[in-house]
Amino acid sequence: MAQTEPSVTPKFEDPKFGFNYYAERLNGRAAMIGFFLTLGIEYLTGKGLLTWLGLQ
């Protein structure tokens, strides 16, 4: 008895939470924005971020 391949590929919905393409892309963009804002704060104030936040 030979096995046959299905003729239709089932369509699954993207997961609503967890590791998915949209969440990872959004997280990467937020990280880039945060990094450049940190560089801007350090450049404008002349102090590091920890000093600006009062942690050092």
C-alpha atoms as a PDB file:
ATOM      1  CA  MET A   1       0.000   0.000   0.000  1.00  0.00           C
ATOM      2  CA  ALA A   2       1.617   3.263  -1.136  1.00  0.00           C
ATOM      3  CA  GLN A   3       1.249   6.471   0.810  1.00  0.00           C
ATOM      4  CA  THR A   4       0.054   9.526  -1.068  1.00  0.00           C
ATOM      5  CA  GLU A   5       0.888  13.140  -0.372  1.00  0.00           C
ATOM      6  CA  PRO A   6      -1.966  15.458   0.630  1.00  0.00           C
ATOM      7  CA  SER A   7      -3.177  17.723  -2.171  1.00  0.00           C
ATOM      8  CA  VAL A   8      -3.944  20.689   0.107  1.00  0.00           C
ATOM      9  CA  THR A   9      -1.657  22.213   2.721  1.00  0.00           C
ATOM     10  CA  PRO A  10      -3.558  23.214   5.870  1.00  0.00           C
ATOM     11  CA  LYS A  11      -3.445  26.902   6.790  1.00  0.00           C
ATOM     12  CA  PHE A  12      -2.605  27.533  10.426  1.00  0.00           C
ATOM     13  CA  GLU A  13      -3.152  30.873  12.135  1.00  0.00           C
ATOM     14  CA  ASP A  14      -0.124  32.691  13.507  1.00  0.00           C
ATOM     15  CA  PRO A  15       0.231  32.310  17.263  1.00  0.00           C
ATOM     16  CA  LYS A  16      -1.203  35.200  19.267  1.00  0.00           C
ATOM     17  CA  PHE A  17       1.629  35.169  21.814  1.00  0.00           C
ATOM     18  CA  GLY A  18       5.139  33.786  22.225  1.00  0.00           C
ATOM     19  CA  PHE A  19       7.920  33.699  19.673  1.00  0.00           C
ATOM     20  CA  ASN A  20       6.514  34.677  16.316  1.00  0.00           C
ATOM     21  CA  TYR A  21       7.795  36.762  13.436  1.00  0.00           C
ATOM     22  CA  TYR A  22       5.849  39.935  14.264  1.00  0.00           C
ATOM     23  CA  ALA A  23       6.752  39.931  17.958  1.00  0.00           C
ATOM     24  CA  GLU A  24      10.453  39.436  17.251  1.00  0.00           C
ATOM     25  CA  ARG A  25      10.487  42.192  14.620  1.00  0.00           C
ATOM     26  CA  LEU A  26       8.722  44.598  16.981  1.00  0.00           C
ATOM     27  CA  ASN A  27      11.110  43.726  19.814  1.00  0.00           C
ATOM     28  CA  GLY A  28      14.134  44.369  17.593  1.00  0.00           C
ATOM     29  CA  ARG A  29      12.798  47.748  16.512  1.00  0.00           C
ATOM     30  CA  ALA A  30      12.094  48.767  20.118  1.00  0.00           C
ATOM     31  CA  ALA A  31      15.636  47.745  21.100  1.00  0.00           C
ATOM     32  CA  MET A  32      17.144  49.857  18.291  1.00  0.00           C
ATOM     33  CA  ILE A  33      15.077  52.887  19.301  1.00  0.00           C
ATOM     34  CA  GLY A  34      16.117  52.471  22.939  1.00  0.00           C
ATOM     35  CA  PHE A  35      19.769  52.139  22.012  1.00  0.00           C
ATOM     36  CA  PHE A  36      19.771  55.310  19.907  1.00  0.00           C
ATOM     37  CA  LEU A  37      17.846  57.231  22.572  1.00  0.00           C
ATOM     38  CA  THR A  38      20.466  56.185  25.123  1.00  0.00           C
ATOM     39  CA  LEU A  39      23.239  57.406  22.829  1.00  0.00           C
ATOM     40  CA  GLY A  40      21.375  60.699  22.355  1.00  0.00           C
ATOM     41  CA  ILE A  41      20.940  61.202  26.104  1.00  0.00           C
ATOM     42  CA  GLU A  42      24.623  60.526  26.728  1.00  0.00           C
ATOM     43  CA  TYR A  43      25.647  62.907  23.953  1.00  0.00           C
ATOM     44  CA  LEU A  44      23.357  65.740  25.042  1.00  0.00           C
ATOM     45  CA  THR A  45      24.050  65.530  28.788  1.00  0.00           C
ATOM     46  CA  GLY A  46      27.723  64.556  28.639  1.00  0.00           C
ATOM     47  CA  LYS A  47      27.056  61.856  31.248  1.00  0.00           C
ATOM     48  CA  GLY A  48      26.437  58.152  31.042  1.00  0.00           C
ATOM     49  CA  LEU A  49      22.955  56.700  31.333  1.00  0.00           C
ATOM     50  CA  LEU A  50      23.521  55.296  34.833  1.00  0.00           C
ATOM     51  CA  THR A  51      24.661  58.698  36.071  1.00  0.00           C
ATOM     52  CA  TRP A  52      21.711  60.390  34.368  1.00  0.00           C
ATOM     53  CA  LEU A  53      19.359  57.961  36.109  1.00  0.00           C
ATOM     54  CA  GLY A  54      21.056  58.574  39.470  1.00  0.00           C
ATOM     55  CA  LEU A  55      22.326  55.012  39.857  1.00  0.00           C
ATOM     56  CA  GLN A  56      26.034  55.777  39.912  1.00  0.00           C
END
